[in-house]
Amino acid sequence: MQLVAKEKEKFETHALFVGAPLTLAFATGEDIAEVKKGADVLPLIAPFHVSDDDTYLVLPEDIGMEIIDILRDGDSDLLAEAMRDGLLVFGSLERAGKGRMVLAIEHSIVPSEAMRGGLAYGSSVALKGVNEDALASINTLEPVQITVCSSLVDEEGLEQMLGAPEFVGTSWRAPARLRKQGAAVDPTFVWSKRLPDGRVGVELALFTEYEEVVALLRPVVLSPA
């Protein structure tokens, strides 16, 4: 019975993060390690952004905002390190003294463990080639409506994802019409991989806007024609 209860708790914890926008947060490696041992409060390092869904991706401070460069540069080794050393947290951001913020944790799990443990994909899309219909079917999914101007994929990004066993890099770039308007719109970055059945799973997507970074774990799995 105890084993069944633990499996049920793990399933329910996974469900909290399926399709959920994860606000990026930072903490020391030592404090993250304490949470992995059972601590239920995690001191955070600035900058702080409140998640409307109480879901966070907490990375060690030595990775921090470099996660953007890691994805942009296609560094799969450092990305794996971030997924191993970070935390998925469901909890609330609270003030704990002057200039000090903490996450009061209800549930937490290591990202790599969640994925190895069967974290589901939020959506599934069947593709018939790389075209405007394919882009629209992906970019209009409700969970990927993270920012005002950016999208999950453009044609180049989708082709790279579908054409590689594993892809880490830029999946969407601001189109010419936005650049001509002078809009400073940040790219979208993804980590994707081909699954044994031939589908392509988007393992991680990272959106940036106005200094806030939001991630999605396993937002969608793609079935190429």
N, C-alpha and C. Protein backbone atom coordinates (compact mmCIF):
# COMPACT_ATOMS: atom_id res chain seq x y z
N MET A 1 0.81 -1.21 0.00
CA MET A 1 0.00 0.00 0.00
C MET A 1 0.85 1.26 0.00
N GLN A 2 1.95 1.22 0.74
CA GLN A 2 2.84 2.39 0.79
C GLN A 2 3.43 2.67 -0.58
N LEU A 3 3.80 1.60 -1.32
CA LEU A 3 4.36 1.77 -2.66
C LEU A 3 3.33 2.37 -3.59
N VAL A 4 2.07 1.89 -3.50
CA VAL A 4 1.00 2.43 -4.33
C VAL A 4 0.79 3.91 -4.04
N ALA A 5 0.83 4.27 -2.76
CA ALA A 5 0.66 5.68 -2.37
C ALA A 5 1.77 6.55 -2.94
N LYS A 6 3.00 6.05 -2.91
CA LYS A 6 4.13 6.81 -3.45
C LYS A 6 4.00 6.99 -4.96
N GLU A 7 3.57 5.92 -5.66
CA GLU A 7 3.39 6.02 -7.11
C GLU A 7 2.28 7.01 -7.45
N LYS A 8 1.20 7.01 -6.64
CA LYS A 8 0.11 7.95 -6.86
C LYS A 8 0.60 9.38 -6.65
N GLU A 9 1.38 9.60 -5.60
CA GLU A 9 1.91 10.94 -5.32
C GLU A 9 2.82 11.41 -6.46
N LYS A 10 3.66 10.49 -6.96
CA LYS A 10 4.55 10.85 -8.06
C LYS A 10 3.74 11.22 -9.31
N PHE A 11 2.70 10.45 -9.60
CA PHE A 11 1.84 10.74 -10.75
C PHE A 11 1.19 12.10 -10.60
N GLU A 12 0.67 12.39 -9.40
CA GLU A 12 0.01 13.67 -9.17
C GLU A 12 0.99 14.83 -9.26
N THR A 13 2.22 14.61 -8.78
CA THR A 13 3.25 15.65 -8.88
C THR A 13 3.60 15.92 -10.34
N HIS A 14 3.76 14.84 -11.13
CA HIS A 14 4.04 15.02 -12.56
C HIS A 14 2.95 15.85 -13.21
N ALA A 15 1.69 15.55 -12.88
CA ALA A 15 0.56 16.21 -13.52
C ALA A 15 0.58 17.72 -13.31
N LEU A 16 1.14 18.17 -12.20
CA LEU A 16 1.21 19.60 -11.92
C LEU A 16 2.02 20.36 -12.97
N PHE A 17 2.96 19.67 -13.61
CA PHE A 17 3.91 20.34 -14.49
C PHE A 17 3.65 20.09 -15.97
N VAL A 18 2.64 19.26 -16.30
CA VAL A 18 2.33 18.98 -17.70
C VAL A 18 1.64 20.21 -18.31
N GLY A 19 2.30 20.81 -19.30
CA GLY A 19 1.74 21.97 -19.97
C GLY A 19 1.74 23.23 -19.15
N ALA A 20 2.37 23.20 -17.96
CA ALA A 20 2.36 24.37 -17.08
C ALA A 20 3.51 25.32 -17.41
N PRO A 21 3.24 26.63 -17.46
CA PRO A 21 4.33 27.59 -17.66
C PRO A 21 5.19 27.67 -16.41
N LEU A 22 6.47 27.43 -16.57
CA LEU A 22 7.39 27.38 -15.45
C LEU A 22 8.21 28.67 -15.40
N THR A 23 7.97 29.47 -14.40
CA THR A 23 8.75 30.69 -14.23
C THR A 23 10.14 30.33 -13.76
N LEU A 24 11.15 30.91 -14.42
CA LEU A 24 12.53 30.60 -14.07
C LEU A 24 12.93 31.30 -12.77
N ALA A 25 13.56 30.55 -11.88
CA ALA A 25 14.05 31.09 -10.60
C ALA A 25 15.42 30.49 -10.32
N PHE A 26 16.15 31.12 -9.37
CA PHE A 26 17.52 30.71 -9.11
C PHE A 26 17.76 30.55 -7.61
N ALA A 27 18.60 29.57 -7.27
CA ALA A 27 18.96 29.32 -5.87
C ALA A 27 20.37 28.74 -5.84
N THR A 28 20.96 28.72 -4.66
CA THR A 28 22.29 28.11 -4.55
C THR A 28 22.16 26.60 -4.69
N GLY A 29 23.25 25.97 -5.13
CA GLY A 29 23.26 24.52 -5.23
C GLY A 29 23.04 23.87 -3.88
N GLU A 30 23.57 24.49 -2.83
CA GLU A 30 23.41 23.94 -1.49
C GLU A 30 21.96 23.96 -1.05
N ASP A 31 21.25 25.05 -1.33
CA ASP A 31 19.84 25.14 -0.92
C ASP A 31 18.97 24.18 -1.74
N ILE A 32 19.29 24.03 -3.01
CA ILE A 32 18.55 23.06 -3.83
C ILE A 32 18.76 21.65 -3.28
N ALA A 33 20.00 21.35 -2.88
CA ALA A 33 20.29 20.03 -2.32
C ALA A 33 19.49 19.78 -1.05
N GLU A 34 19.27 20.83 -0.24
CA GLU A 34 18.48 20.67 0.99
C GLU A 34 17.02 20.32 0.67
N VAL A 35 16.49 20.90 -0.41
CA VAL A 35 15.12 20.57 -0.80
C VAL A 35 15.05 19.11 -1.25
N LYS A 36 16.07 18.66 -1.96
CA LYS A 36 16.08 17.27 -2.40
C LYS A 36 16.13 16.31 -1.21
N LYS A 37 16.64 16.82 -0.07
CA LYS A 37 16.67 16.00 1.15
C LYS A 37 15.38 16.11 1.97
N GLY A 38 14.50 17.03 1.55
CA GLY A 38 13.22 17.13 2.26
C GLY A 38 12.84 18.51 2.76
N ALA A 39 13.72 19.52 2.62
CA ALA A 39 13.37 20.87 3.07
C ALA A 39 12.18 21.39 2.26
N ASP A 40 11.31 22.16 2.91
CA ASP A 40 10.12 22.65 2.22
C ASP A 40 10.14 24.16 2.01
N VAL A 41 11.27 24.79 2.25
CA VAL A 41 11.46 26.21 1.97
C VAL A 41 12.77 26.39 1.21
N LEU A 42 12.71 27.15 0.12
CA LEU A 42 13.89 27.34 -0.72
C LEU A 42 14.19 28.82 -0.88
N PRO A 43 15.28 29.33 -0.27
CA PRO A 43 15.66 30.73 -0.48
C PRO A 43 16.05 30.96 -1.94
N LEU A 44 15.59 32.07 -2.49
CA LEU A 44 15.86 32.39 -3.89
C LEU A 44 16.85 33.54 -4.02
N ILE A 45 17.49 33.58 -5.18
CA ILE A 45 18.43 34.65 -5.53
C ILE A 45 17.77 35.52 -6.59
N ALA A 46 17.86 36.84 -6.46
CA ALA A 46 17.25 37.76 -7.41
C ALA A 46 17.78 37.49 -8.83
N PRO A 47 16.97 37.75 -9.86
CA PRO A 47 15.67 38.43 -9.85
C PRO A 47 14.51 37.49 -9.50
N PHE A 48 13.41 38.09 -8.99
CA PHE A 48 12.25 37.30 -8.62
C PHE A 48 11.09 37.64 -9.55
N HIS A 49 10.40 36.64 -10.01
CA HIS A 49 9.17 36.83 -10.78
C HIS A 49 8.13 35.85 -10.25
N VAL A 50 6.92 36.33 -10.03
CA VAL A 50 5.86 35.49 -9.48
C VAL A 50 5.21 34.69 -10.60
N SER A 51 5.05 33.41 -10.37
CA SER A 51 4.34 32.55 -11.31
C SER A 51 2.85 32.58 -11.01
N ASP A 52 2.04 32.88 -12.02
CA ASP A 52 0.59 32.89 -11.83
C ASP A 52 0.06 31.49 -11.53
N ASP A 53 0.82 30.48 -11.96
CA ASP A 53 0.38 29.09 -11.78
C ASP A 53 1.11 28.39 -10.63
N ASP A 54 1.97 29.15 -9.90
CA ASP A 54 2.74 28.59 -8.78
C ASP A 54 3.68 27.48 -9.22
N THR A 55 4.11 27.52 -10.47
CA THR A 55 5.02 26.50 -10.99
C THR A 55 6.34 27.16 -11.41
N TYR A 56 7.44 26.56 -10.95
CA TYR A 56 8.76 27.16 -11.16
C TYR A 56 9.76 26.12 -11.64
N LEU A 57 10.68 26.57 -12.48
CA LEU A 57 11.89 25.82 -12.80
C LEU A 57 13.03 26.54 -12.09
N VAL A 58 13.56 25.90 -11.05
CA VAL A 58 14.63 26.52 -10.26
C VAL A 58 15.97 25.95 -10.71
N LEU A 59 16.87 26.82 -11.10
CA LEU A 59 18.20 26.42 -11.56
C LEU A 59 19.26 26.90 -10.58
N PRO A 60 20.37 26.17 -10.46
CA PRO A 60 21.47 26.64 -9.61
C PRO A 60 22.00 27.98 -10.11
N GLU A 61 22.44 28.82 -9.18
CA GLU A 61 22.89 30.16 -9.55
C GLU A 61 24.08 30.14 -10.50
N ASP A 62 24.89 29.07 -10.50
CA ASP A 62 26.04 29.05 -11.40
C ASP A 62 25.61 28.79 -12.85
N ILE A 63 24.38 28.36 -13.04
CA ILE A 63 23.82 28.27 -14.39
C ILE A 63 23.04 29.54 -14.68
N GLY A 64 22.07 29.87 -13.83
CA GLY A 64 21.34 31.13 -13.93
C GLY A 64 20.83 31.42 -15.33
N MET A 65 20.95 32.68 -15.72
CA MET A 65 20.46 33.12 -17.03
C MET A 65 21.30 32.56 -18.17
N GLU A 66 22.40 31.92 -17.86
CA GLU A 66 23.19 31.29 -18.92
C GLU A 66 22.44 30.15 -19.58
N ILE A 67 21.30 29.74 -19.00
CA ILE A 67 20.49 28.71 -19.64
C ILE A 67 20.09 29.14 -21.05
N ILE A 68 19.93 30.44 -21.26
CA ILE A 68 19.59 30.95 -22.59
C ILE A 68 20.75 30.70 -23.54
N ASP A 69 21.97 31.01 -23.11
CA ASP A 69 23.14 30.77 -23.95
C ASP A 69 23.36 29.28 -24.19
N ILE A 70 23.08 28.47 -23.18
CA ILE A 70 23.24 27.01 -23.32
C ILE A 70 22.34 26.49 -24.44
N LEU A 71 21.11 26.96 -24.47
CA LEU A 71 20.19 26.53 -25.51
C LEU A 71 20.55 27.15 -26.87
N ARG A 72 20.89 28.43 -26.86
CA ARG A 72 21.25 29.09 -28.11
C ARG A 72 22.47 28.42 -28.75
N ASP A 73 23.43 28.01 -27.92
CA ASP A 73 24.67 27.42 -28.42
C ASP A 73 24.55 25.92 -28.71
N GLY A 74 23.41 25.33 -28.38
CA GLY A 74 23.22 23.91 -28.63
C GLY A 74 24.06 23.02 -27.74
N ASP A 75 24.32 23.46 -26.50
CA ASP A 75 25.19 22.70 -25.60
C ASP A 75 24.35 21.67 -24.82
N SER A 76 24.21 20.48 -25.38
CA SER A 76 23.36 19.46 -24.77
C SER A 76 23.94 18.94 -23.45
N ASP A 77 25.26 18.97 -23.30
CA ASP A 77 25.86 18.50 -22.04
C ASP A 77 25.51 19.42 -20.88
N LEU A 78 25.64 20.72 -21.08
CA LEU A 78 25.29 21.67 -20.02
C LEU A 78 23.79 21.69 -19.78
N LEU A 79 23.00 21.46 -20.82
CA LEU A 79 21.56 21.39 -20.64
C LEU A 79 21.19 20.20 -19.77
N ALA A 80 21.82 19.06 -20.03
CA ALA A 80 21.57 17.87 -19.20
C ALA A 80 21.95 18.14 -17.75
N GLU A 81 23.04 18.89 -17.54
CA GLU A 81 23.45 19.25 -16.18
C GLU A 81 22.40 20.10 -15.50
N ALA A 82 21.82 21.06 -16.25
CA ALA A 82 20.79 21.92 -15.68
C ALA A 82 19.55 21.11 -15.29
N MET A 83 19.17 20.15 -16.13
CA MET A 83 18.00 19.32 -15.84
C MET A 83 18.26 18.37 -14.68
N ARG A 84 19.52 18.02 -14.46
CA ARG A 84 19.89 17.13 -13.36
C ARG A 84 20.00 17.89 -12.04
N ASP A 85 20.52 19.12 -12.08
CA ASP A 85 20.82 19.87 -10.86
C ASP A 85 19.70 20.83 -10.44
N GLY A 86 18.73 21.04 -11.32
CA GLY A 86 17.65 21.96 -11.01
C GLY A 86 16.48 21.28 -10.32
N LEU A 87 15.38 22.02 -10.18
CA LEU A 87 14.17 21.52 -9.53
C LEU A 87 12.94 22.06 -10.23
N LEU A 88 11.93 21.22 -10.33
CA LEU A 88 10.59 21.68 -10.64
C LEU A 88 9.88 21.87 -9.30
N VAL A 89 9.28 23.03 -9.12
CA VAL A 89 8.65 23.33 -7.83
C VAL A 89 7.23 23.83 -8.05
N PHE A 90 6.30 23.27 -7.28
CA PHE A 90 4.96 23.83 -7.15
C PHE A 90 4.88 24.43 -5.76
N GLY A 91 4.71 25.74 -5.71
CA GLY A 91 4.70 26.41 -4.42
C GLY A 91 4.49 27.90 -4.59
N SER A 92 4.57 28.62 -3.48
CA SER A 92 4.29 30.05 -3.51
C SER A 92 5.53 30.86 -3.14
N LEU A 93 5.67 31.99 -3.81
CA LEU A 93 6.77 32.91 -3.54
C LEU A 93 6.39 33.79 -2.36
N GLU A 94 7.21 33.81 -1.33
CA GLU A 94 6.89 34.55 -0.11
C GLU A 94 8.08 35.39 0.34
N ARG A 95 7.77 36.49 0.99
CA ARG A 95 8.81 37.36 1.53
C ARG A 95 9.27 36.82 2.89
N ALA A 96 10.57 36.82 3.09
CA ALA A 96 11.12 36.30 4.35
C ALA A 96 12.18 37.26 4.87
N GLY A 97 11.76 38.47 5.13
CA GLY A 97 12.71 39.47 5.58
C GLY A 97 13.07 40.44 4.48
N LYS A 98 13.77 41.48 4.83
CA LYS A 98 14.11 42.55 3.89
C LYS A 98 14.94 42.02 2.73
N GLY A 99 14.40 42.16 1.51
CA GLY A 99 15.13 41.77 0.32
C GLY A 99 15.31 40.28 0.14
N ARG A 100 14.61 39.47 0.94
CA ARG A 100 14.80 38.03 0.89
C ARG A 100 13.48 37.37 0.51
N MET A 101 13.52 36.52 -0.51
CA MET A 101 12.34 35.81 -0.96
C MET A 101 12.61 34.31 -0.91
N VAL A 102 11.56 33.56 -0.60
CA VAL A 102 11.69 32.11 -0.55
C VAL A 102 10.53 31.48 -1.30
N LEU A 103 10.74 30.26 -1.75
CA LEU A 103 9.66 29.46 -2.28
C LEU A 103 9.18 28.52 -1.18
N ALA A 104 7.91 28.64 -0.81
CA ALA A 104 7.30 27.69 0.12
C ALA A 104 6.80 26.52 -0.73
N ILE A 105 7.42 25.36 -0.57
CA ILE A 105 7.24 24.25 -1.49
C ILE A 105 6.14 23.30 -1.05
N GLU A 106 5.25 23.00 -1.98
CA GLU A 106 4.24 21.96 -1.75
C GLU A 106 4.68 20.64 -2.41
N HIS A 107 5.21 20.76 -3.63
CA HIS A 107 5.70 19.57 -4.35
C HIS A 107 6.95 19.97 -5.12
N SER A 108 7.89 19.05 -5.24
CA SER A 108 9.07 19.31 -6.04
C SER A 108 9.60 17.99 -6.61
N ILE A 109 10.30 18.11 -7.73
CA ILE A 109 10.92 16.94 -8.36
C ILE A 109 12.03 17.43 -9.27
N VAL A 110 13.06 16.64 -9.44
CA VAL A 110 14.17 16.98 -10.35
C VAL A 110 13.67 16.83 -11.79
N PRO A 111 13.91 17.82 -12.66
CA PRO A 111 13.40 17.73 -14.03
C PRO A 111 13.78 16.45 -14.76
N SER A 112 15.06 16.05 -14.68
CA SER A 112 15.48 14.85 -15.39
C SER A 112 14.77 13.61 -14.84
N GLU A 113 14.51 13.58 -13.53
CA GLU A 113 13.80 12.45 -12.93
C GLU A 113 12.35 12.42 -13.39
N ALA A 114 11.74 13.59 -13.50
CA ALA A 114 10.35 13.65 -13.97
C ALA A 114 10.24 13.11 -15.39
N MET A 115 11.19 13.48 -16.24
CA MET A 115 11.14 13.01 -17.62
C MET A 115 11.43 11.52 -17.72
N ARG A 116 12.40 11.06 -16.96
CA ARG A 116 12.68 9.62 -16.96
C ARG A 116 11.50 8.84 -16.38
N GLY A 117 10.77 9.47 -15.48
CA GLY A 117 9.66 8.81 -14.83
C GLY A 117 8.37 8.84 -15.62
N GLY A 118 8.40 9.36 -16.85
CA GLY A 118 7.23 9.31 -17.70
C GLY A 118 6.40 10.57 -17.73
N LEU A 119 7.02 11.73 -17.49
CA LEU A 119 6.28 12.99 -17.60
C LEU A 119 5.62 13.06 -18.97
N ALA A 120 4.31 13.28 -19.00
CA ALA A 120 3.57 13.25 -20.26
C ALA A 120 3.83 14.50 -21.10
N TYR A 121 3.59 14.37 -22.40
CA TYR A 121 3.59 15.53 -23.29
C TYR A 121 2.23 16.21 -23.19
N GLY A 122 2.24 17.53 -23.17
CA GLY A 122 0.99 18.26 -23.00
C GLY A 122 0.03 18.12 -24.16
N SER A 123 0.56 18.05 -25.38
CA SER A 123 -0.27 17.96 -26.58
C SER A 123 0.41 17.06 -27.60
N SER A 124 -0.36 16.63 -28.58
CA SER A 124 0.16 15.83 -29.69
C SER A 124 -0.35 16.43 -31.00
N VAL A 125 0.56 16.61 -31.96
CA VAL A 125 0.18 17.21 -33.24
C VAL A 125 0.68 16.32 -34.37
N ALA A 126 -0.22 15.95 -35.29
CA ALA A 126 0.15 15.19 -36.48
C ALA A 126 0.46 16.18 -37.60
N LEU A 127 1.60 16.00 -38.23
CA LEU A 127 2.06 16.93 -39.26
C LEU A 127 1.98 16.30 -40.64
N LYS A 128 1.68 17.11 -41.63
CA LYS A 128 1.75 16.70 -43.02
C LYS A 128 2.70 17.66 -43.74
N GLY A 129 3.97 17.49 -43.44
CA GLY A 129 4.98 18.36 -44.02
C GLY A 129 5.24 19.57 -43.17
N VAL A 130 6.19 20.38 -43.63
CA VAL A 130 6.52 21.65 -42.96
C VAL A 130 5.93 22.76 -43.81
N ASN A 131 4.84 23.32 -43.33
CA ASN A 131 4.13 24.37 -44.08
C ASN A 131 3.40 25.27 -43.10
N GLU A 132 2.65 26.22 -43.63
CA GLU A 132 1.95 27.17 -42.76
C GLU A 132 0.93 26.47 -41.86
N ASP A 133 0.27 25.44 -42.39
CA ASP A 133 -0.71 24.72 -41.58
C ASP A 133 -0.02 24.03 -40.39
N ALA A 134 1.14 23.45 -40.67
CA ALA A 134 1.88 22.77 -39.59
C ALA A 134 2.30 23.77 -38.52
N LEU A 135 2.82 24.91 -38.96
CA LEU A 135 3.25 25.93 -37.99
C LEU A 135 2.06 26.41 -37.15
N ALA A 136 0.93 26.64 -37.83
CA ALA A 136 -0.24 27.14 -37.12
C ALA A 136 -0.75 26.11 -36.11
N SER A 137 -0.74 24.83 -36.50
CA SER A 137 -1.25 23.80 -35.60
C SER A 137 -0.43 23.69 -34.32
N ILE A 138 0.86 24.02 -34.42
CA ILE A 138 1.73 23.99 -33.23
C ILE A 138 1.64 25.29 -32.45
N ASN A 139 1.75 26.40 -33.17
CA ASN A 139 1.85 27.69 -32.49
C ASN A 139 0.54 28.17 -31.87
N THR A 140 -0.57 27.56 -32.24
CA THR A 140 -1.86 27.96 -31.65
C THR A 140 -2.26 27.08 -30.47
N LEU A 141 -1.42 26.12 -30.09
CA LEU A 141 -1.72 25.32 -28.90
C LEU A 141 -1.78 26.24 -27.68
N GLU A 142 -2.79 26.06 -26.85
CA GLU A 142 -2.98 26.97 -25.72
C GLU A 142 -1.78 27.05 -24.79
N PRO A 143 -1.12 25.92 -24.43
CA PRO A 143 0.00 26.02 -23.48
C PRO A 143 1.19 26.82 -23.99
N VAL A 144 1.33 26.98 -25.32
CA VAL A 144 2.51 27.70 -25.83
C VAL A 144 2.23 29.18 -26.07
N GLN A 145 1.07 29.65 -25.63
CA GLN A 145 0.76 31.07 -25.75
C GLN A 145 1.38 31.81 -24.55
N ILE A 146 2.69 31.90 -24.57
CA ILE A 146 3.43 32.41 -23.40
C ILE A 146 3.67 33.91 -23.49
N THR A 147 4.03 34.39 -24.67
CA THR A 147 4.41 35.80 -24.82
C THR A 147 3.47 36.51 -25.78
N VAL A 148 3.63 37.82 -25.88
CA VAL A 148 2.74 38.62 -26.73
C VAL A 148 3.07 38.44 -28.20
N CYS A 149 4.34 38.42 -28.56
CA CYS A 149 4.72 38.44 -29.97
C CYS A 149 5.36 37.15 -30.48
N SER A 150 6.04 36.40 -29.63
CA SER A 150 6.80 35.26 -30.12
C SER A 150 5.94 34.01 -30.24
N SER A 151 6.51 32.97 -30.89
CA SER A 151 5.84 31.68 -31.06
C SER A 151 6.80 30.57 -30.72
N LEU A 152 6.31 29.35 -30.76
CA LEU A 152 7.16 28.21 -30.43
C LEU A 152 8.10 27.86 -31.57
N VAL A 153 7.57 27.80 -32.80
CA VAL A 153 8.42 27.37 -33.92
C VAL A 153 8.19 28.25 -35.15
N ASP A 154 9.23 28.37 -35.96
CA ASP A 154 9.10 28.89 -37.31
C ASP A 154 9.50 27.76 -38.26
N GLU A 155 9.48 28.02 -39.56
CA GLU A 155 9.74 26.95 -40.53
C GLU A 155 11.14 26.38 -40.36
N GLU A 156 12.13 27.24 -40.20
CA GLU A 156 13.50 26.76 -40.04
C GLU A 156 13.65 25.92 -38.78
N GLY A 157 13.08 26.40 -37.69
CA GLY A 157 13.18 25.67 -36.44
C GLY A 157 12.51 24.31 -36.51
N LEU A 158 11.32 24.26 -37.12
CA LEU A 158 10.61 22.99 -37.23
C LEU A 158 11.38 22.00 -38.09
N GLU A 159 11.95 22.47 -39.18
CA GLU A 159 12.74 21.59 -40.04
C GLU A 159 13.94 21.01 -39.29
N GLN A 160 14.60 21.85 -38.50
CA GLN A 160 15.76 21.37 -37.73
C GLN A 160 15.35 20.34 -36.69
N MET A 161 14.22 20.57 -36.04
CA MET A 161 13.74 19.64 -35.03
C MET A 161 13.37 18.29 -35.65
N LEU A 162 12.70 18.33 -36.79
CA LEU A 162 12.25 17.10 -37.43
C LEU A 162 13.39 16.35 -38.11
N GLY A 163 14.46 17.07 -38.43
CA GLY A 163 15.54 16.46 -39.20
C GLY A 163 16.71 15.93 -38.39
N ALA A 164 16.64 16.04 -37.04
CA ALA A 164 17.77 15.63 -36.21
C ALA A 164 17.32 14.67 -35.12
N PRO A 165 18.17 13.69 -34.78
CA PRO A 165 17.85 12.80 -33.66
C PRO A 165 17.66 13.58 -32.36
N GLU A 166 18.44 14.65 -32.21
CA GLU A 166 18.31 15.54 -31.05
C GLU A 166 18.68 16.94 -31.52
N PHE A 167 17.88 17.92 -31.10
CA PHE A 167 18.14 19.30 -31.49
C PHE A 167 18.07 20.19 -30.26
N VAL A 168 19.08 21.02 -30.08
CA VAL A 168 19.09 22.05 -29.05
C VAL A 168 19.45 23.35 -29.74
N GLY A 169 18.55 24.31 -29.72
CA GLY A 169 18.85 25.56 -30.40
C GLY A 169 17.64 26.45 -30.55
N THR A 170 17.71 27.37 -31.50
CA THR A 170 16.65 28.35 -31.74
C THR A 170 15.55 27.72 -32.59
N SER A 171 14.32 27.83 -32.10
CA SER A 171 13.19 27.25 -32.84
C SER A 171 12.31 28.30 -33.50
N TRP A 172 12.43 29.56 -33.05
CA TRP A 172 11.64 30.65 -33.64
C TRP A 172 12.43 31.93 -33.57
N ARG A 173 12.37 32.69 -34.67
CA ARG A 173 13.04 33.99 -34.74
C ARG A 173 12.00 35.03 -35.15
N ALA A 174 12.18 36.24 -34.71
CA ALA A 174 11.23 37.30 -35.05
C ALA A 174 11.20 37.49 -36.56
N PRO A 175 10.02 37.47 -37.18
CA PRO A 175 9.92 37.66 -38.63
C PRO A 175 10.26 39.09 -39.03
N ALA A 176 10.49 39.27 -40.32
CA ALA A 176 10.92 40.57 -40.85
C ALA A 176 9.93 41.68 -40.52
N ARG A 177 8.62 41.38 -40.53
CA ARG A 177 7.62 42.42 -40.27
C ARG A 177 7.78 43.01 -38.87
N LEU A 178 8.14 42.17 -37.90
CA LEU A 178 8.35 42.68 -36.55
C LEU A 178 9.64 43.48 -36.46
N ARG A 179 10.67 43.00 -37.14
CA ARG A 179 11.95 43.72 -37.11
C ARG A 179 11.81 45.09 -37.77
N LYS A 180 11.03 45.15 -38.85
CA LYS A 180 10.83 46.43 -39.55
C LYS A 180 10.09 47.42 -38.66
N GLN A 181 9.24 46.90 -37.78
CA GLN A 181 8.51 47.76 -36.85
C GLN A 181 9.37 48.20 -35.67
N GLY A 182 10.60 47.69 -35.63
CA GLY A 182 11.51 48.05 -34.55
C GLY A 182 11.26 47.30 -33.27
N ALA A 183 10.48 46.22 -33.34
CA ALA A 183 10.19 45.45 -32.13
C ALA A 183 11.39 44.60 -31.74
N ALA A 184 11.76 44.66 -30.47
CA ALA A 184 12.86 43.85 -29.94
C ALA A 184 12.25 42.58 -29.36
N VAL A 185 12.08 41.57 -30.20
CA VAL A 185 11.42 40.33 -29.79
C VAL A 185 12.46 39.23 -29.70
N ASP A 186 12.54 38.60 -28.54
CA ASP A 186 13.54 37.56 -28.31
C ASP A 186 13.16 36.26 -29.00
N PRO A 187 14.17 35.46 -29.38
CA PRO A 187 13.89 34.16 -29.98
C PRO A 187 13.31 33.18 -28.96
N THR A 188 12.80 32.08 -29.48
CA THR A 188 12.38 30.94 -28.66
C THR A 188 13.41 29.84 -28.84
N PHE A 189 13.71 29.12 -27.75
CA PHE A 189 14.70 28.04 -27.80
C PHE A 189 14.06 26.74 -27.36
N VAL A 190 14.51 25.63 -27.98
CA VAL A 190 13.96 24.34 -27.61
C VAL A 190 15.04 23.27 -27.52
N TRP A 191 14.67 22.22 -26.83
CA TRP A 191 15.40 20.95 -26.86
C TRP A 191 14.38 19.91 -27.30
N SER A 192 14.68 19.23 -28.41
CA SER A 192 13.78 18.20 -28.91
C SER A 192 14.58 16.93 -29.20
N LYS A 193 13.87 15.80 -29.26
CA LYS A 193 14.55 14.56 -29.62
C LYS A 193 13.57 13.60 -30.29
N ARG A 194 14.12 12.78 -31.18
CA ARG A 194 13.30 11.78 -31.85
C ARG A 194 13.09 10.59 -30.93
N LEU A 195 11.86 10.17 -30.79
CA LEU A 195 11.49 9.06 -29.93
C LEU A 195 11.61 7.74 -30.70
N PRO A 196 11.66 6.62 -29.99
CA PRO A 196 11.81 5.32 -30.67
C PRO A 196 10.73 5.03 -31.69
N ASP A 197 9.53 5.59 -31.53
CA ASP A 197 8.44 5.33 -32.48
C ASP A 197 8.44 6.29 -33.66
N GLY A 198 9.46 7.16 -33.75
CA GLY A 198 9.58 8.08 -34.87
C GLY A 198 9.01 9.46 -34.63
N ARG A 199 8.24 9.62 -33.58
CA ARG A 199 7.73 10.96 -33.26
C ARG A 199 8.87 11.83 -32.72
N VAL A 200 8.63 13.12 -32.70
CA VAL A 200 9.63 14.07 -32.18
C VAL A 200 9.03 14.77 -30.98
N GLY A 201 9.64 14.58 -29.82
CA GLY A 201 9.16 15.19 -28.60
C GLY A 201 9.88 16.49 -28.31
N VAL A 202 9.14 17.54 -28.06
CA VAL A 202 9.73 18.80 -27.59
C VAL A 202 9.89 18.66 -26.08
N GLU A 203 11.12 18.46 -25.65
CA GLU A 203 11.39 18.20 -24.23
C GLU A 203 11.35 19.47 -23.39
N LEU A 204 11.84 20.55 -23.97
CA LEU A 204 11.91 21.82 -23.24
C LEU A 204 11.76 22.96 -24.23
N ALA A 205 10.97 23.95 -23.87
CA ALA A 205 10.88 25.19 -24.65
C ALA A 205 11.11 26.35 -23.71
N LEU A 206 11.84 27.36 -24.19
CA LEU A 206 12.18 28.50 -23.35
C LEU A 206 11.78 29.79 -24.07
N PHE A 207 10.94 30.58 -23.42
CA PHE A 207 10.46 31.85 -23.96
C PHE A 207 11.00 32.99 -23.08
N THR A 208 11.40 34.08 -23.70
CA THR A 208 11.87 35.24 -22.93
C THR A 208 11.14 36.48 -23.39
N GLU A 209 10.73 37.30 -22.44
CA GLU A 209 10.07 38.55 -22.77
C GLU A 209 10.15 39.49 -21.57
N TYR A 210 10.64 40.71 -21.82
CA TYR A 210 10.73 41.72 -20.77
C TYR A 210 11.47 41.20 -19.53
N GLU A 211 12.60 40.54 -19.74
CA GLU A 211 13.49 40.04 -18.69
C GLU A 211 12.92 38.85 -17.93
N GLU A 212 11.69 38.45 -18.21
CA GLU A 212 11.14 37.26 -17.56
C GLU A 212 11.32 36.07 -18.48
N VAL A 213 11.74 34.94 -17.91
CA VAL A 213 11.97 33.73 -18.68
C VAL A 213 10.98 32.67 -18.20
N VAL A 214 10.28 32.07 -19.16
CA VAL A 214 9.29 31.04 -18.84
C VAL A 214 9.60 29.80 -19.67
N ALA A 215 9.56 28.65 -19.03
CA ALA A 215 9.87 27.38 -19.70
C ALA A 215 8.64 26.48 -19.71
N LEU A 216 8.62 25.57 -20.68
CA LEU A 216 7.63 24.50 -20.71
C LEU A 216 8.38 23.19 -20.84
N LEU A 217 8.03 22.22 -20.03
CA LEU A 217 8.58 20.87 -20.18
C LEU A 217 7.58 20.02 -20.96
N ARG A 218 8.09 19.36 -21.98
CA ARG A 218 7.28 18.46 -22.82
C ARG A 218 5.94 19.08 -23.21
N PRO A 219 5.96 20.23 -23.87
CA PRO A 219 4.68 20.86 -24.26
C PRO A 219 3.96 20.12 -25.37
N VAL A 220 4.73 19.46 -26.27
CA VAL A 220 4.07 18.83 -27.42
C VAL A 220 4.96 17.74 -28.01
N VAL A 221 4.32 16.72 -28.56
CA VAL A 221 5.02 15.70 -29.32
C VAL A 221 4.49 15.74 -30.74
N LEU A 222 5.40 15.68 -31.72
CA LEU A 222 5.04 15.86 -33.12
C LEU A 222 5.13 14.53 -33.87
N SER A 223 4.13 14.25 -34.69
CA SER A 223 4.09 13.03 -35.49
C SER A 223 4.25 13.40 -36.96
N PRO A 224 5.47 13.32 -37.50
CA PRO A 224 5.68 13.67 -38.90
C PRO A 224 4.94 12.71 -39.82
N ALA A 225 4.51 13.21 -40.97
CA ALA A 225 3.82 12.37 -41.96
C ALA A 225 4.80 11.36 -42.53
